[in-house]
mmCIF file of all heavy atoms, coordinates in Angstrom:
data_MODEL
# 
_entry.id   MODEL 
# 
loop_
_atom_site.group_PDB 
_atom_site.id 
_atom_site.type_symbol 
_atom_site.label_atom_id 
_atom_site.label_alt_id 
_atom_site.label_comp_id 
_atom_site.label_asym_id 
_atom_site.label_entity_id 
_atom_site.label_seq_id 
_atom_site.pdbx_PDB_ins_code 
_atom_site.Cartn_x 
_atom_site.Cartn_y 
_atom_site.Cartn_z 
_atom_site.occupancy 
_atom_site.B_iso_or_equiv 
_atom_site.pdbx_formal_charge 
_atom_site.auth_seq_id 
_atom_site.auth_comp_id 
_atom_site.auth_asym_id 
_atom_site.auth_atom_id 
_atom_site.pdbx_PDB_model_num 
ATOM 1   N N   . LYS A 1 1  ? 0.829  -1.237  -0.005 1.00 0.00 ? 1  LYS A N   1 
ATOM 2   C CA  . LYS A 1 1  ? 0.001  0.006   0.003  1.00 0.00 ? 1  LYS A CA  1 
ATOM 3   C C   . LYS A 1 1  ? 0.853  1.272   -0.008 1.00 0.00 ? 1  LYS A C   1 
ATOM 4   O O   . LYS A 1 1  ? 0.397  2.350   0.446  1.00 0.00 ? 1  LYS A O   1 
ATOM 5   C CB  . LYS A 1 1  ? -0.927 0.010   1.239  1.00 0.00 ? 1  LYS A CB  1 
ATOM 6   C CG  . LYS A 1 1  ? -1.774 -1.232  1.435  1.00 0.00 ? 1  LYS A CG  1 
ATOM 7   C CD  . LYS A 1 1  ? -2.881 -1.324  0.414  1.00 0.00 ? 1  LYS A CD  1 
ATOM 8   C CE  . LYS A 1 1  ? -3.899 -2.394  0.753  1.00 0.00 ? 1  LYS A CE  1 
ATOM 9   N NZ  . LYS A 1 1  ? -3.374 -3.736  0.815  1.00 0.00 ? 1  LYS A NZ  1 
ATOM 10  N N   . ILE A 1 2  ? 2.074  1.194   -0.536 1.00 0.00 ? 2  ILE A N   1 
ATOM 11  C CA  . ILE A 1 2  ? 2.945  2.382   -0.602 1.00 0.00 ? 2  ILE A CA  1 
ATOM 12  C C   . ILE A 1 2  ? 2.990  2.885   -2.043 1.00 0.00 ? 2  ILE A C   1 
ATOM 13  O O   . ILE A 1 2  ? 3.318  2.118   -2.945 1.00 0.00 ? 2  ILE A O   1 
ATOM 14  C CB  . ILE A 1 2  ? 4.379  2.052   -0.132 1.00 0.00 ? 2  ILE A CB  1 
ATOM 15  C CG1 . ILE A 1 2  ? 4.367  1.474   1.299  1.00 0.00 ? 2  ILE A CG1 1 
ATOM 16  C CG2 . ILE A 1 2  ? 5.264  3.290   -0.203 1.00 0.00 ? 2  ILE A CG2 1 
ATOM 17  C CD1 . ILE A 1 2  ? 5.728  0.950   1.753  1.00 0.00 ? 2  ILE A CD1 1 
ATOM 18  N N   . SER A 1 3  ? 2.648  4.140   -2.228 1.00 0.00 ? 3  SER A N   1 
ATOM 19  C CA  . SER A 1 3  ? 2.696  4.724   -3.563 1.00 0.00 ? 3  SER A CA  1 
ATOM 20  C C   . SER A 1 3  ? 3.979  5.540   -3.697 1.00 0.00 ? 3  SER A C   1 
ATOM 21  O O   . SER A 1 3  ? 4.648  5.923   -2.720 1.00 0.00 ? 3  SER A O   1 
ATOM 22  C CB  . SER A 1 3  ? 1.502  5.638   -3.814 1.00 0.00 ? 3  SER A CB  1 
ATOM 23  O OG  . SER A 1 3  ? 1.585  6.813   -3.002 1.00 0.00 ? 3  SER A OG  1 
ATOM 24  N N   . LYS A 1 4  ? 4.340  5.844   -4.942 1.00 0.00 ? 4  LYS A N   1 
ATOM 25  C CA  . LYS A 1 4  ? 5.544  6.632   -5.174 1.00 0.00 ? 4  LYS A CA  1 
ATOM 26  C C   . LYS A 1 4  ? 5.418  8.014   -4.582 1.00 0.00 ? 4  LYS A C   1 
ATOM 27  O O   . LYS A 1 4  ? 6.398  8.608   -4.119 1.00 0.00 ? 4  LYS A O   1 
ATOM 28  C CB  . LYS A 1 4  ? 5.868  6.709   -6.653 1.00 0.00 ? 4  LYS A CB  1 
ATOM 29  C CG  . LYS A 1 4  ? 7.326  7.107   -6.941 1.00 0.00 ? 4  LYS A CG  1 
ATOM 30  C CD  . LYS A 1 4  ? 7.774  6.736   -8.313 1.00 0.00 ? 4  LYS A CD  1 
ATOM 31  C CE  . LYS A 1 4  ? 9.268  7.071   -8.491 1.00 0.00 ? 4  LYS A CE  1 
ATOM 32  N NZ  . LYS A 1 4  ? 9.755  6.747   -9.865 1.00 0.00 ? 4  LYS A NZ  1 
ATOM 33  N N   . ALA A 1 5  ? 4.183  8.562   -4.576 1.00 0.00 ? 5  ALA A N   1 
ATOM 34  C CA  . ALA A 1 5  ? 3.951  9.876   -3.971 1.00 0.00 ? 5  ALA A CA  1 
ATOM 35  C C   . ALA A 1 5  ? 4.280  9.899   -2.447 1.00 0.00 ? 5  ALA A C   1 
ATOM 36  O O   . ALA A 1 5  ? 4.695  10.897  -1.906 1.00 0.00 ? 5  ALA A O   1 
ATOM 37  C CB  . ALA A 1 5  ? 2.503  10.323  -4.178 1.00 0.00 ? 5  ALA A CB  1 
ATOM 38  N N   . ASP A 1 6  ? 4.064  8.721   -1.806 1.00 0.00 ? 6  ASP A N   1 
ATOM 39  C CA  . ASP A 1 6  ? 4.356  8.597   -0.381 1.00 0.00 ? 6  ASP A CA  1 
ATOM 40  C C   . ASP A 1 6  ? 5.875  8.726   -0.105 1.00 0.00 ? 6  ASP A C   1 
ATOM 41  O O   . ASP A 1 6  ? 6.254  8.961   1.069  1.00 0.00 ? 6  ASP A O   1 
ATOM 42  C CB  . ASP A 1 6  ? 3.875  7.248   0.175  1.00 0.00 ? 6  ASP A CB  1 
ATOM 43  C CG  . ASP A 1 6  ? 2.365  7.095   0.104  1.00 0.00 ? 6  ASP A CG  1 
ATOM 44  O OD1 . ASP A 1 6  ? 1.655  8.126   0.205  1.00 0.00 ? 6  ASP A OD1 1 
ATOM 45  O OD2 . ASP A 1 6  ? 1.902  5.967   -0.090 1.00 0.00 ? 6  ASP A OD2 1 
ATOM 46  N N   . LEU A 1 7  ? 6.676  8.536   -1.120 1.00 0.00 ? 7  LEU A N   1 
ATOM 47  C CA  . LEU A 1 7  ? 8.125  8.440   -0.922 1.00 0.00 ? 7  LEU A CA  1 
ATOM 48  C C   . LEU A 1 7  ? 8.897  9.627   -1.453 1.00 0.00 ? 7  LEU A C   1 
ATOM 49  O O   . LEU A 1 7  ? 10.130 9.671   -1.355 1.00 0.00 ? 7  LEU A O   1 
ATOM 50  C CB  . LEU A 1 7  ? 8.643  7.150   -1.654 1.00 0.00 ? 7  LEU A CB  1 
ATOM 51  C CG  . LEU A 1 7  ? 7.938  5.863   -1.268 1.00 0.00 ? 7  LEU A CG  1 
ATOM 52  C CD1 . LEU A 1 7  ? 8.355  4.753   -2.218 1.00 0.00 ? 7  LEU A CD1 1 
ATOM 53  C CD2 . LEU A 1 7  ? 8.268  5.468   0.178  1.00 0.00 ? 7  LEU A CD2 1 
ATOM 54  N N   . ALA A 1 8  ? 8.197  10.609  -1.982 1.00 0.00 ? 8  ALA A N   1 
ATOM 55  C CA  . ALA A 1 8  ? 8.839  11.742  -2.643 1.00 0.00 ? 8  ALA A CA  1 
ATOM 56  C C   . ALA A 1 8  ? 9.858  12.414  -1.725 1.00 0.00 ? 8  ALA A C   1 
ATOM 57  O O   . ALA A 1 8  ? 9.547  12.794  -0.607 1.00 0.00 ? 8  ALA A O   1 
ATOM 58  C CB  . ALA A 1 8  ? 7.785  12.764  -3.108 1.00 0.00 ? 8  ALA A CB  1 
ATOM 59  N N   . GLY A 1 9  ? 11.081 12.535  -2.240 1.00 0.00 ? 9  GLY A N   1 
ATOM 60  C CA  . GLY A 1 9  ? 12.123 13.254  -1.512 1.00 0.00 ? 9  GLY A CA  1 
ATOM 61  C C   . GLY A 1 9  ? 12.769 12.487  -0.352 1.00 0.00 ? 9  GLY A C   1 
ATOM 62  O O   . GLY A 1 9  ? 13.633 13.027  0.331  1.00 0.00 ? 9  GLY A O   1 
ATOM 63  N N   . GLN A 1 10 ? 12.329 11.242  -0.092 1.00 0.00 ? 10 GLN A N   1 
ATOM 64  C CA  . GLN A 1 10 ? 12.863 10.515  1.065  1.00 0.00 ? 10 GLN A CA  1 
ATOM 65  C C   . GLN A 1 10 ? 14.040 9.621   0.665  1.00 0.00 ? 10 GLN A C   1 
ATOM 66  O O   . GLN A 1 10 ? 14.181 9.230   -0.479 1.00 0.00 ? 10 GLN A O   1 
ATOM 67  C CB  . GLN A 1 10 ? 11.765 9.646   1.681  1.00 0.00 ? 10 GLN A CB  1 
ATOM 68  C CG  . GLN A 1 10 ? 10.575 10.442  2.216  1.00 0.00 ? 10 GLN A CG  1 
ATOM 69  C CD  . GLN A 1 10 ? 9.582  9.561   2.977  1.00 0.00 ? 10 GLN A CD  1 
ATOM 70  O OE1 . GLN A 1 10 ? 9.976  8.886   3.947  1.00 0.00 ? 10 GLN A OE1 1 
ATOM 71  N NE2 . GLN A 1 10 ? 8.348  9.569   2.533  1.00 0.00 ? 10 GLN A NE2 1 
ATOM 72  N N   . ASP A 1 11 ? 14.895 9.323   1.657  1.00 0.00 ? 11 ASP A N   1 
ATOM 73  C CA  . ASP A 1 11 ? 15.984 8.396   1.454  1.00 0.00 ? 11 ASP A CA  1 
ATOM 74  C C   . ASP A 1 11 ? 16.293 7.697   2.786  1.00 0.00 ? 11 ASP A C   1 
ATOM 75  O O   . ASP A 1 11 ? 15.975 8.238   3.851  1.00 0.00 ? 11 ASP A O   1 
ATOM 76  C CB  . ASP A 1 11 ? 17.243 9.133   0.965  1.00 0.00 ? 11 ASP A CB  1 
ATOM 77  C CG  . ASP A 1 11 ? 18.280 8.211   0.362  1.00 0.00 ? 11 ASP A CG  1 
ATOM 78  O OD1 . ASP A 1 11 ? 17.983 6.991   0.261  1.00 0.00 ? 11 ASP A OD1 1 
ATOM 79  O OD2 . ASP A 1 11 ? 19.369 8.677   0.011  1.00 0.00 ? 11 ASP A OD2 1 
ATOM 80  N N   . PHE A 1 12 ? 16.884 6.539   2.709  1.00 0.00 ? 12 PHE A N   1 
ATOM 81  C CA  . PHE A 1 12 ? 17.315 5.860   3.921  1.00 0.00 ? 12 PHE A CA  1 
ATOM 82  C C   . PHE A 1 12 ? 18.411 6.641   4.585  1.00 0.00 ? 12 PHE A C   1 
ATOM 83  O O   . PHE A 1 12 ? 19.193 7.365   3.949  1.00 0.00 ? 12 PHE A O   1 
ATOM 84  C CB  . PHE A 1 12 ? 17.833 4.461   3.583  1.00 0.00 ? 12 PHE A CB  1 
ATOM 85  C CG  . PHE A 1 12 ? 16.826 3.480   3.004  1.00 0.00 ? 12 PHE A CG  1 
ATOM 86  C CD1 . PHE A 1 12 ? 17.235 2.407   2.223  1.00 0.00 ? 12 PHE A CD1 1 
ATOM 87  C CD2 . PHE A 1 12 ? 15.469 3.641   3.265  1.00 0.00 ? 12 PHE A CD2 1 
ATOM 88  C CE1 . PHE A 1 12 ? 16.344 1.502   1.716  1.00 0.00 ? 12 PHE A CE1 1 
ATOM 89  C CE2 . PHE A 1 12 ? 14.548 2.726   2.744  1.00 0.00 ? 12 PHE A CE2 1 
ATOM 90  C CZ  . PHE A 1 12 ? 14.981 1.668   1.975  1.00 0.00 ? 12 PHE A CZ  1 
ATOM 91  N N   . ASP A 1 13 ? 18.514 6.474   5.909  1.00 0.00 ? 13 ASP A N   1 
ATOM 92  C CA  . ASP A 1 13 ? 19.659 6.985   6.644  1.00 0.00 ? 13 ASP A CA  1 
ATOM 93  C C   . ASP A 1 13 ? 20.789 5.929   6.468  1.00 0.00 ? 13 ASP A C   1 
ATOM 94  O O   . ASP A 1 13 ? 20.890 4.991   7.279  1.00 0.00 ? 13 ASP A O   1 
ATOM 95  C CB  . ASP A 1 13 ? 19.296 7.181   8.117  1.00 0.00 ? 13 ASP A CB  1 
ATOM 96  C CG  . ASP A 1 13 ? 20.446 7.760   8.937  1.00 0.00 ? 13 ASP A CG  1 
ATOM 97  O OD1 . ASP A 1 13 ? 21.600 7.669   8.494  1.00 0.00 ? 13 ASP A OD1 1 
ATOM 98  O OD2 . ASP A 1 13 ? 20.185 8.306   10.020 1.00 0.00 ? 13 ASP A OD2 1 
ATOM 99  N N   . HIS A 1 14 ? 21.534 6.045   5.412  1.00 0.00 ? 14 HIS A N   1 
ATOM 100 C CA  . HIS A 1 14 ? 22.495 4.999   5.047  1.00 0.00 ? 14 HIS A CA  1 
ATOM 101 C C   . HIS A 1 14 ? 23.554 4.794   6.104  1.00 0.00 ? 14 HIS A C   1 
ATOM 102 O O   . HIS A 1 14 ? 24.023 3.694   6.329  1.00 0.00 ? 14 HIS A O   1 
ATOM 103 C CB  . HIS A 1 14 ? 23.132 5.326   3.696  1.00 0.00 ? 14 HIS A CB  1 
ATOM 104 C CG  . HIS A 1 14 ? 22.182 5.355   2.551  1.00 0.00 ? 14 HIS A CG  1 
ATOM 105 N ND1 . HIS A 1 14 ? 21.583 4.223   2.088  1.00 0.00 ? 14 HIS A ND1 1 
ATOM 106 C CD2 . HIS A 1 14 ? 21.705 6.362   1.794  1.00 0.00 ? 14 HIS A CD2 1 
ATOM 107 C CE1 . HIS A 1 14 ? 20.752 4.554   1.080  1.00 0.00 ? 14 HIS A CE1 1 
ATOM 108 N NE2 . HIS A 1 14 ? 20.826 5.842   0.928  1.00 0.00 ? 14 HIS A NE2 1 
ATOM 109 N N   . GLU A 1 15 ? 23.957 5.866   6.760  1.00 0.00 ? 15 GLU A N   1 
ATOM 110 C CA  . GLU A 1 15 ? 24.957 5.740   7.831  1.00 0.00 ? 15 GLU A CA  1 
ATOM 111 C C   . GLU A 1 15 ? 24.396 4.907   8.992  1.00 0.00 ? 15 GLU A C   1 
ATOM 112 O O   . GLU A 1 15 ? 25.088 4.054   9.552  1.00 0.00 ? 15 GLU A O   1 
ATOM 113 C CB  . GLU A 1 15 ? 25.380 7.128   8.317  1.00 0.00 ? 15 GLU A CB  1 
ATOM 114 C CG  . GLU A 1 15 ? 26.466 7.099   9.364  1.00 0.00 ? 15 GLU A CG  1 
ATOM 115 C CD  . GLU A 1 15 ? 26.929 8.466   9.779  1.00 0.00 ? 15 GLU A CD  1 
ATOM 116 O OE1 . GLU A 1 15 ? 26.539 9.456   9.096  1.00 0.00 ? 15 GLU A OE1 1 
ATOM 117 O OE2 . GLU A 1 15 ? 27.665 8.581   10.795 1.00 0.00 ? 15 GLU A OE2 1 
ATOM 118 N N   . LYS A 1 16 ? 23.135 5.174   9.337  1.00 0.00 ? 16 LYS A N   1 
ATOM 119 C CA  . LYS A 1 16 ? 22.498 4.412   10.433 1.00 0.00 ? 16 LYS A CA  1 
ATOM 120 C C   . LYS A 1 16 ? 22.408 2.949   10.072 1.00 0.00 ? 16 LYS A C   1 
ATOM 121 O O   . LYS A 1 16 ? 22.699 2.059   10.872 1.00 0.00 ? 16 LYS A O   1 
ATOM 122 C CB  . LYS A 1 16 ? 21.096 5.006   10.704 1.00 0.00 ? 16 LYS A CB  1 
ATOM 123 C CG  . LYS A 1 16 ? 20.279 4.238   11.740 1.00 0.00 ? 16 LYS A CG  1 
ATOM 124 C CD  . LYS A 1 16 ? 20.808 4.464   13.116 1.00 0.00 ? 16 LYS A CD  1 
ATOM 125 C CE  . LYS A 1 16 ? 19.841 3.917   14.166 1.00 0.00 ? 16 LYS A CE  1 
ATOM 126 N NZ  . LYS A 1 16 ? 20.306 4.118   15.540 1.00 0.00 ? 16 LYS A NZ  1 
ATOM 127 N N   . VAL A 1 17 ? 21.943 2.657   8.857  1.00 0.00 ? 17 VAL A N   1 
ATOM 128 C CA  . VAL A 1 17 ? 21.812 1.256   8.404  1.00 0.00 ? 17 VAL A CA  1 
ATOM 129 C C   . VAL A 1 17 ? 23.176 0.566   8.403  1.00 0.00 ? 17 VAL A C   1 
ATOM 130 O O   . VAL A 1 17 ? 23.300 -0.562  8.863  1.00 0.00 ? 17 VAL A O   1 
ATOM 131 C CB  . VAL A 1 17 ? 21.155 1.192   6.997  1.00 0.00 ? 17 VAL A CB  1 
ATOM 132 C CG1 . VAL A 1 17 ? 21.160 -0.248  6.510  1.00 0.00 ? 17 VAL A CG1 1 
ATOM 133 C CG2 . VAL A 1 17 ? 19.738 1.730   7.029  1.00 0.00 ? 17 VAL A CG2 1 
ATOM 134 N N   . ALA A 1 18 ? 24.182 1.292   7.905  1.00 0.00 ? 18 ALA A N   1 
ATOM 135 C CA  . ALA A 1 18 ? 25.533 0.693   7.891  1.00 0.00 ? 18 ALA A CA  1 
ATOM 136 C C   . ALA A 1 18 ? 26.038 0.352   9.269  1.00 0.00 ? 18 ALA A C   1 
ATOM 137 O O   . ALA A 1 18 ? 26.698 -0.677  9.466  1.00 0.00 ? 18 ALA A O   1 
ATOM 138 C CB  . ALA A 1 18 ? 26.478 1.646   7.179  1.00 0.00 ? 18 ALA A CB  1 
ATOM 139 N N   . VAL A 1 19 ? 25.748 1.206   10.248 1.00 0.00 ? 19 VAL A N   1 
ATOM 140 C CA  . VAL A 1 19 ? 26.168 0.955   11.628 1.00 0.00 ? 19 VAL A CA  1 
ATOM 141 C C   . VAL A 1 19 ? 25.450 -0.307  12.165 1.00 0.00 ? 19 VAL A C   1 
ATOM 142 O O   . VAL A 1 19 ? 26.076 -1.154  12.824 1.00 0.00 ? 19 VAL A O   1 
ATOM 143 C CB  . VAL A 1 19 ? 25.888 2.147   12.501 1.00 0.00 ? 19 VAL A CB  1 
ATOM 144 C CG1 . VAL A 1 19 ? 26.061 1.812   14.000 1.00 0.00 ? 19 VAL A CG1 1 
ATOM 145 C CG2 . VAL A 1 19 ? 26.809 3.313   12.172 1.00 0.00 ? 19 VAL A CG2 1 
ATOM 146 N N   . LEU A 1 20 ? 24.172 -0.420  11.948 1.00 0.00 ? 20 LEU A N   1 
ATOM 147 C CA  . LEU A 1 20 ? 23.396 -1.594  12.378 1.00 0.00 ? 20 LEU A CA  1 
ATOM 148 C C   . LEU A 1 20 ? 23.973 -2.847  11.777 1.00 0.00 ? 20 LEU A C   1 
ATOM 149 O O   . LEU A 1 20 ? 24.160 -3.893  12.464 1.00 0.00 ? 20 LEU A O   1 
ATOM 150 C CB  . LEU A 1 20 ? 21.934 -1.442  12.009 1.00 0.00 ? 20 LEU A CB  1 
ATOM 151 C CG  . LEU A 1 20 ? 21.114 -0.474  12.864 1.00 0.00 ? 20 LEU A CG  1 
ATOM 152 C CD1 . LEU A 1 20 ? 19.743 -0.245  12.220 1.00 0.00 ? 20 LEU A CD1 1 
ATOM 153 C CD2 . LEU A 1 20 ? 20.960 -0.988  14.301 1.00 0.00 ? 20 LEU A CD2 1 
ATOM 154 N N   . LEU A 1 21 ? 24.244 -2.815  10.461 1.00 0.00 ? 21 LEU A N   1 
ATOM 155 C CA  . LEU A 1 21 ? 24.797 -3.977  9.795  1.00 0.00 ? 21 LEU A CA  1 
ATOM 156 C C   . LEU A 1 21 ? 26.176 -4.348  10.370 1.00 0.00 ? 21 LEU A C   1 
ATOM 157 O O   . LEU A 1 21 ? 26.504 -5.538  10.572 1.00 0.00 ? 21 LEU A O   1 
ATOM 158 C CB  . LEU A 1 21 ? 24.893 -3.737  8.310  1.00 0.00 ? 21 LEU A CB  1 
ATOM 159 C CG  . LEU A 1 21 ? 23.572 -3.594  7.531  1.00 0.00 ? 21 LEU A CG  1 
ATOM 160 C CD1 . LEU A 1 21 ? 23.825 -3.195  6.080  1.00 0.00 ? 21 LEU A CD1 1 
ATOM 161 C CD2 . LEU A 1 21 ? 22.753 -4.880  7.603  1.00 0.00 ? 21 LEU A CD2 1 
ATOM 162 N N   . SER A 1 22 ? 26.963 -3.350  10.599 1.00 0.00 ? 22 SER A N   1 
ATOM 163 C CA  . SER A 1 22 ? 28.326 -3.563  11.138 1.00 0.00 ? 22 SER A CA  1 
ATOM 164 C C   . SER A 1 22 ? 28.292 -4.168  12.517 1.00 0.00 ? 22 SER A C   1 
ATOM 165 O O   . SER A 1 22 ? 29.135 -5.013  12.877 1.00 0.00 ? 22 SER A O   1 
ATOM 166 C CB  . SER A 1 22 ? 29.078 -2.237  11.150 1.00 0.00 ? 22 SER A CB  1 
ATOM 167 O OG  . SER A 1 22 ? 30.365 -2.388  11.725 1.00 0.00 ? 22 SER A OG  1 
ATOM 168 N N   . ASN A 1 23 ? 27.352 -3.730  13.349 1.00 0.00 ? 23 ASN A N   1 
ATOM 169 C CA  . ASN A 1 23 ? 27.264 -4.194  14.742 1.00 0.00 ? 23 ASN A CA  1 
ATOM 170 C C   . ASN A 1 23 ? 26.672 -5.577  14.875 1.00 0.00 ? 23 ASN A C   1 
ATOM 171 O O   . ASN A 1 23 ? 26.810 -6.233  15.906 1.00 0.00 ? 23 ASN A O   1 
ATOM 172 C CB  . ASN A 1 23 ? 26.458 -3.213  15.577 1.00 0.00 ? 23 ASN A CB  1 
ATOM 173 C CG  . ASN A 1 23 ? 27.227 -1.918  15.834 1.00 0.00 ? 23 ASN A CG  1 
ATOM 174 O OD1 . ASN A 1 23 ? 28.465 -1.885  15.798 1.00 0.00 ? 23 ASN A OD1 1 
ATOM 175 N ND2 . ASN A 1 23 ? 26.499 -0.858  16.143 1.00 0.00 ? 23 ASN A ND2 1 
ATOM 176 N N   . ALA A 1 24 ? 25.976 -6.055  13.859 1.00 0.00 ? 24 ALA A N   1 
ATOM 177 C CA  . ALA A 1 24 ? 25.292 -7.321  13.948 1.00 0.00 ? 24 ALA A CA  1 
ATOM 178 C C   . ALA A 1 24 ? 26.236 -8.501  13.782 1.00 0.00 ? 24 ALA A C   1 
ATOM 179 O O   . ALA A 1 24 ? 27.060 -8.515  12.847 1.00 0.00 ? 24 ALA A O   1 
ATOM 180 C CB  . ALA A 1 24 ? 24.203 -7.398  12.887 1.00 0.00 ? 24 ALA A CB  1 
ATOM 181 N N   . ASP A 1 25 ? 26.105 -9.485  14.668 1.00 0.00 ? 25 ASP A N   1 
ATOM 182 C CA  . ASP A 1 25 ? 26.816 -10.750 14.491 1.00 0.00 ? 25 ASP A CA  1 
ATOM 183 C C   . ASP A 1 25 ? 26.083 -11.655 13.541 1.00 0.00 ? 25 ASP A C   1 
ATOM 184 O O   . ASP A 1 25 ? 26.689 -12.412 12.757 1.00 0.00 ? 25 ASP A O   1 
ATOM 185 C CB  . ASP A 1 25 ? 27.015 -11.454 15.844 1.00 0.00 ? 25 ASP A CB  1 
ATOM 186 C CG  . ASP A 1 25 ? 27.791 -10.629 16.828 1.00 0.00 ? 25 ASP A CG  1 
ATOM 187 O OD1 . ASP A 1 25 ? 28.883 -10.163 16.462 1.00 0.00 ? 25 ASP A OD1 1 
ATOM 188 O OD2 . ASP A 1 25 ? 27.348 -10.485 17.979 1.00 0.00 ? 25 ASP A OD2 1 
ATOM 189 N N   . VAL A 1 26 ? 24.758 -11.571 13.596 1.00 0.00 ? 26 VAL A N   1 
ATOM 190 C CA  . VAL A 1 26 ? 23.901 -12.413 12.752 1.00 0.00 ? 26 VAL A CA  1 
ATOM 191 C C   . VAL A 1 26 ? 22.724 -11.551 12.255 1.00 0.00 ? 26 VAL A C   1 
ATOM 192 O O   . VAL A 1 26 ? 22.189 -10.761 13.013 1.00 0.00 ? 26 VAL A O   1 
ATOM 193 C CB  . VAL A 1 26 ? 23.323 -13.616 13.539 1.00 0.00 ? 26 VAL A CB  1 
ATOM 194 C CG1 . VAL A 1 26 ? 22.383 -14.461 12.652 1.00 0.00 ? 26 VAL A CG1 1 
ATOM 195 C CG2 . VAL A 1 26 ? 24.465 -14.493 14.040 1.00 0.00 ? 26 VAL A CG2 1 
ATOM 196 N N   . ILE A 1 27 ? 22.355 -11.693 10.989 1.00 0.00 ? 27 ILE A N   1 
ATOM 197 C CA  . ILE A 1 27 ? 21.178 -11.038 10.428 1.00 0.00 ? 27 ILE A CA  1 
ATOM 198 C C   . ILE A 1 27 ? 20.098 -12.081 10.202 1.00 0.00 ? 27 ILE A C   1 
ATOM 199 O O   . ILE A 1 27 ? 20.380 -13.136 9.604  1.00 0.00 ? 27 ILE A O   1 
ATOM 200 C CB  . ILE A 1 27 ? 21.506 -10.331 9.097  1.00 0.00 ? 27 ILE A CB  1 
ATOM 201 C CG1 . ILE A 1 27 ? 22.591 -9.267  9.292  1.00 0.00 ? 27 ILE A CG1 1 
ATOM 202 C CG2 . ILE A 1 27 ? 20.239 -9.659  8.529  1.00 0.00 ? 27 ILE A CG2 1 
ATOM 203 C CD1 . ILE A 1 27 ? 23.066 -8.625  7.984  1.00 0.00 ? 27 ILE A CD1 1 
ATOM 204 N N   . VAL A 1 28 ? 18.891 -11.820 10.661 1.00 0.00 ? 28 VAL A N   1 
ATOM 205 C CA  . VAL A 1 28 ? 17.766 -12.728 10.491 1.00 0.00 ? 28 VAL A CA  1 
ATOM 206 C C   . VAL A 1 28 ? 16.712 -12.068 9.636  1.00 0.00 ? 28 VAL A C   1 
ATOM 207 O O   . VAL A 1 28 ? 16.317 -10.925 9.920  1.00 0.00 ? 28 VAL A O   1 
ATOM 208 C CB  . VAL A 1 28 ? 17.147 -13.151 11.842 1.00 0.00 ? 28 VAL A CB  1 
ATOM 209 C CG1 . VAL A 1 28 ? 15.958 -14.079 11.624 1.00 0.00 ? 28 VAL A CG1 1 
ATOM 210 C CG2 . VAL A 1 28 ? 18.205 -13.829 12.718 1.00 0.00 ? 28 VAL A CG2 1 
ATOM 211 N N   . ALA A 1 29 ? 16.217 -12.735 8.617  1.00 0.00 ? 29 ALA A N   1 
ATOM 212 C CA  . ALA A 1 29 ? 15.133 -12.236 7.781  1.00 0.00 ? 29 ALA A CA  1 
ATOM 213 C C   . ALA A 1 29 ? 14.223 -13.398 7.418  1.00 0.00 ? 29 ALA A C   1 
ATOM 214 O O   . ALA A 1 29 ? 14.637 -14.555 7.405  1.00 0.00 ? 29 ALA A O   1 
ATOM 215 C CB  . ALA A 1 29 ? 15.692 -11.594 6.502  1.00 0.00 ? 29 ALA A CB  1 
ATOM 216 N N   . HIS A 1 30 ? 12.941 -13.047 7.158  1.00 0.00 ? 30 HIS A N   1 
ATOM 217 C CA  . HIS A 1 30 ? 12.011 -14.119 6.838  1.00 0.00 ? 30 HIS A CA  1 
ATOM 218 C C   . HIS A 1 30 ? 12.134 -14.584 5.378  1.00 0.00 ? 30 HIS A C   1 
ATOM 219 O O   . HIS A 1 30 ? 11.539 -15.589 5.030  1.00 0.00 ? 30 HIS A O   1 
ATOM 220 C CB  . HIS A 1 30 ? 10.567 -13.670 7.115  1.00 0.00 ? 30 HIS A CB  1 
ATOM 221 C CG  . HIS A 1 30 ? 9.593  -14.817 7.189  1.00 0.00 ? 30 HIS A CG  1 
ATOM 222 N ND1 . HIS A 1 30 ? 9.766  -15.836 8.169  1.00 0.00 ? 30 HIS A ND1 1 
ATOM 223 C CD2 . HIS A 1 30 ? 8.516  -15.179 6.470  1.00 0.00 ? 30 HIS A CD2 1 
ATOM 224 C CE1 . HIS A 1 30 ? 8.801  -16.705 7.977  1.00 0.00 ? 30 HIS A CE1 1 
ATOM 225 N NE2 . HIS A 1 30 ? 8.049  -16.349 6.956  1.00 0.00 ? 30 HIS A NE2 1 
# 
């Protein structure tokens, strides 16, 4: 239920995501 209009001008906080990935010993996804 996400439209492209809902996302206009947005971006991930790549630095935050990179820190989470770096700190993780294990990543779990479904």
